[in-house]
Each structure stands twice: as C-alpha cells, then as structure tokens.
C-alpha cells in the first residue's frame, strides 16, 4: 500500500511541477492576459461566396521587437484568403511578406531599416477570407512556426504566450 501511495504522490508532484500557466478566457474584454496573439472574431458562420475579415491582435510587452514571422493554418477546402492588410503594431513604415500555399499562410512583418522599433500592441494584420466549401475551418497560428526577432536578428523567447484561434463555419 505504501508503494502505491508513494507512486501516486510522485505523479502528483511531477504533474504540479510541469504544470503550465492556466489562462482565463483571453477573448473576455475583462481578461488580464498580457502576452497574447488573438484572432477575431473567435467564431463566425458565413455563406459560400461570403467574405469575412479576420483581425490578428498582438498584445505583448517586448521592448525591442523588430519583426514577427508566423505560419497561419486553415482549411483551404472551406475558405480561401483574398487579401492581407498590415496593422499598426509596426507603424506605417514597415515591410511585409505574405504567401499562401497548401492551407498555410506564411507571414513576416518587420520595421523598415532605420525606423524606430518601439513596441506597440494592437492590430498586427487583417485577412479577408471567402467561403468556398461547406464545413468548418479552424484558423490558428502554428506555435512551432512563430518567431519574434529583435533589431539584431536574435530570436526573442516567448515562454508564456497565449495563441488564440478562430473557427469559421461555411454553410
């Protein structure tokens, strides 16, 4: 019996030590999550051939953020991206690369050289999608393909970052 108790206690202690931060609902306007990339709206139903605008909100206090690179996954049998617009996070003088391939959007946005890379939170970018097939498409930023860079080209770690997603239903 003591052996089982020790095994149980070991498992509990291990799971507590490996526990990650528990997030409240970051989409709640009263949420106090301070490190997040969220996609709005969080869910929406559209018709075939109807367009929807999705906003990617960036909320992190990084003093020396110079560029962000990410891959956004979606189901290309349900929706198709139409266009992309930069937001205000990197100011009006920025450079962006946007490419769509195999249900993935490859996106990089950066300050222009010589621009002051003062961090600003807010709208990172917006995408227009159109419904092309009946079903659900989960749109999410691939955590393994998200990179933040400082002005020297060094990667900035983002340990406790919440990444939001959205679901588009096409009917």
Protein backbone atom coordinates (compact mmCIF):
# COMPACT_ATOMS: atom_id res chain seq x y z
CA UNK A 1 0.00 0.00 0.00
CA UNK A 2 2.82 2.44 0.82
CA UNK A 3 4.39 1.77 -2.58
CA UNK A 4 1.17 2.89 -4.34
CA UNK A 5 0.91 5.93 -2.13
CA UNK A 6 4.50 6.94 -2.97
CA UNK A 7 3.86 6.36 -6.68
CA UNK A 8 0.69 8.47 -6.51
CA UNK A 9 2.49 11.23 -4.58
CA UNK A 10 5.35 11.21 -7.10
CA UNK A 11 2.94 11.54 -10.02
CA UNK A 12 1.09 14.42 -8.33
CA UNK A 13 4.31 16.28 -7.52
CA UNK A 14 5.65 15.75 -11.05
CA UNK A 15 2.44 16.99 -12.66
CA UNK A 16 2.37 20.09 -10.43
CA UNK A 17 5.98 20.93 -11.27
CA UNK A 18 5.29 20.52 -15.02
CA UNK A 19 2.05 22.48 -14.98
CA UNK A 20 1.89 25.41 -17.38
CA UNK A 21 0.14 28.69 -16.75
CA UNK A 22 -3.64 28.33 -16.74
CA UNK A 23 -5.25 31.03 -18.86
CA UNK A 24 -8.55 32.72 -18.34
CA UNK A 25 -10.55 33.39 -21.45
CA UNK A 26 -8.31 35.88 -23.32
CA UNK A 27 -11.24 36.88 -25.51
CA UNK A 28 -13.09 38.23 -22.46
CA UNK A 29 -12.77 42.04 -22.55
CA UNK A 30 -12.03 41.98 -18.79
CA UNK A 31 -9.23 39.41 -19.20
CA UNK A 32 -5.85 40.43 -17.88
CA UNK A 33 -3.72 38.28 -20.17
CA UNK A 34 -0.77 40.42 -21.10
CA UNK A 35 1.05 38.19 -23.59
CA UNK A 36 -1.18 37.03 -26.39
CA UNK A 37 -1.80 36.87 -30.10
CA UNK A 38 -5.54 36.60 -30.68
CA UNK A 39 -7.68 36.17 -33.80
CA UNK A 40 -11.02 37.98 -34.01
CA UNK A 41 -13.85 37.15 -34.35
CA UNK A 42 -13.45 33.98 -32.31
CA UNK A 43 -16.08 32.19 -34.37
CA UNK A 44 -18.34 33.12 -37.24
CA UNK A 45 -20.76 31.48 -39.66
CA UNK A 46 -20.74 32.64 -43.27
CA UNK A 47 -22.33 31.52 -46.53
CA UNK A 48 -20.49 30.21 -49.59
CA UNK A 49 -19.07 33.20 -51.52
CA UNK A 50 -19.47 35.43 -48.44
CA UNK A 51 -16.38 37.28 -47.24
CA UNK A 52 -15.15 37.67 -43.66
CA UNK A 53 -12.46 39.92 -42.21
CA UNK A 54 -10.22 38.37 -39.54
CA UNK A 55 -8.01 40.54 -37.33
CA UNK A 56 -4.87 39.31 -35.59
CA UNK A 57 -4.35 41.26 -32.36
CA UNK A 58 -0.87 41.41 -30.86
CA UNK A 59 -0.53 42.09 -27.13
CA UNK A 60 2.95 41.69 -25.67
CA UNK A 61 5.34 43.96 -23.81
CA UNK A 62 8.56 43.41 -25.73
CA UNK A 63 10.90 46.40 -25.63
CA UNK A 64 12.90 45.52 -28.72
CA UNK A 65 10.53 43.73 -31.08
CA UNK A 66 11.69 44.26 -34.65
CA UNK A 67 9.94 41.52 -36.65
CA UNK A 68 7.45 38.69 -36.37
CA UNK A 69 7.24 35.65 -38.62
CA UNK A 70 4.47 33.08 -38.44
CA UNK A 71 2.50 30.40 -40.24
CA UNK A 72 -1.29 30.52 -40.04
CA UNK A 73 -3.08 27.22 -40.68
CA UNK A 74 -6.60 26.98 -42.17
CA UNK A 75 -8.64 24.53 -44.25
CA UNK A 76 -8.39 25.57 -47.91
CA UNK A 77 -11.34 23.36 -48.88
CA UNK A 78 -13.68 25.56 -46.78
CA UNK A 79 -12.23 29.08 -47.03
CA UNK A 80 -9.73 30.91 -49.21
CA UNK A 81 -7.74 34.05 -48.28
CA UNK A 82 -8.34 37.01 -50.60
CA UNK A 83 -6.02 39.72 -49.31
CA UNK A 84 -3.88 40.93 -46.45
CA UNK A 85 -3.52 44.36 -44.78
CA UNK A 86 -0.83 45.44 -42.28
CA UNK A 87 -1.97 46.72 -38.90
CA UNK A 88 -0.44 49.37 -36.65
CA UNK A 89 1.90 47.23 -34.49
CA UNK A 90 4.90 48.01 -36.70
CA UNK A 91 3.77 51.51 -37.59
CA UNK A 92 3.17 52.83 -41.08
CA UNK A 93 6.76 52.28 -42.25
CA UNK A 94 7.05 48.50 -42.35
CA UNK A 95 7.74 45.70 -44.75
CA UNK A 96 5.68 42.53 -45.01
CA UNK A 97 5.80 39.26 -46.88
CA UNK A 98 2.65 37.23 -47.37
CA UNK A 99 2.40 33.91 -49.23
CA UNK A 100 -0.35 31.27 -49.35
CA UNK A 101 0.36 27.60 -50.04
CA UNK A 102 -1.26 24.28 -49.05
CA UNK A 103 -3.69 25.60 -46.38
CA UNK A 104 -0.98 27.77 -44.85
CA UNK A 105 -0.35 31.50 -44.81
CA UNK A 106 3.31 32.38 -44.44
CA UNK A 107 3.62 35.88 -42.96
CA UNK A 108 6.52 38.08 -41.93
CA UNK A 109 6.18 41.72 -40.85
CA UNK A 110 9.10 43.95 -39.87
CA UNK A 111 10.05 47.56 -39.27
CA UNK A 112 11.90 49.17 -42.12
CA UNK A 113 15.62 49.61 -41.52
CA UNK A 114 16.27 52.84 -39.64
CA UNK A 115 12.73 53.00 -38.29
CA UNK A 116 12.41 53.24 -34.52
CA UNK A 117 11.37 49.77 -33.30
CA UNK A 118 9.36 50.99 -30.31
CA UNK A 119 6.90 48.28 -29.38
CA UNK A 120 3.21 48.92 -29.89
CA UNK A 121 0.42 46.48 -29.20
CA UNK A 122 -2.70 46.38 -31.31
CA UNK A 123 -3.69 45.13 -34.73
CA UNK A 124 -0.88 43.11 -36.30
CA UNK A 125 -2.74 42.49 -39.56
CA UNK A 126 -6.09 41.60 -41.14
CA UNK A 127 -7.08 38.93 -43.66
CA UNK A 128 -10.13 38.70 -45.86
CA UNK A 129 -11.36 35.16 -46.45
CA UNK A 130 -14.19 33.91 -48.66
CA UNK A 131 -16.28 30.79 -48.06
CA UNK A 132 -15.75 28.20 -50.82
CA UNK A 133 -16.98 24.90 -49.31
CA UNK A 134 -19.45 23.77 -46.67
CA UNK A 135 -17.87 22.85 -43.34
CA UNK A 136 -15.66 24.12 -40.51
CA UNK A 137 -12.23 25.70 -40.77
CA UNK A 138 -10.15 26.22 -37.66
CA UNK A 139 -7.74 29.11 -38.19
CA UNK A 140 -4.73 29.07 -35.91
CA UNK A 141 -1.17 30.28 -35.65
CA UNK A 142 1.22 27.34 -35.63
CA UNK A 143 3.16 27.65 -32.37
CA UNK A 144 6.14 25.79 -33.84
CA UNK A 145 6.30 28.33 -36.68
CA UNK A 146 6.06 31.57 -34.68
CA UNK A 147 9.23 33.64 -34.40
CA UNK A 148 9.82 37.03 -32.79
CA UNK A 149 13.06 38.92 -33.53
CA UNK A 150 14.93 41.85 -32.02
CA UNK A 151 16.72 44.51 -34.15
CA UNK A 152 19.91 42.40 -34.19
CA UNK A 153 18.11 39.42 -35.73
CA UNK A 154 18.13 37.43 -32.48
CA UNK A 155 15.09 35.35 -31.66
CA UNK A 156 13.08 36.59 -28.67
CA UNK A 157 11.73 33.80 -26.43
CA UNK A 158 8.00 33.76 -25.69
CA UNK A 159 7.56 31.27 -22.87
CA UNK A 160 4.11 32.16 -21.54
CA UNK A 161 2.43 33.38 -24.71
CA UNK A 162 -1.26 32.59 -25.34
CA UNK A 163 -2.06 31.95 -29.00
CA UNK A 164 -5.74 32.26 -29.89
CA UNK A 165 -7.60 30.65 -32.75
CA UNK A 166 -10.94 31.02 -34.50
CA UNK A 167 -13.44 28.76 -36.21
CA UNK A 168 -15.23 29.74 -39.42
CA UNK A 169 -18.30 27.73 -40.37
CA UNK A 170 -19.33 27.87 -44.02
CA UNK A 171 -22.94 26.90 -44.68
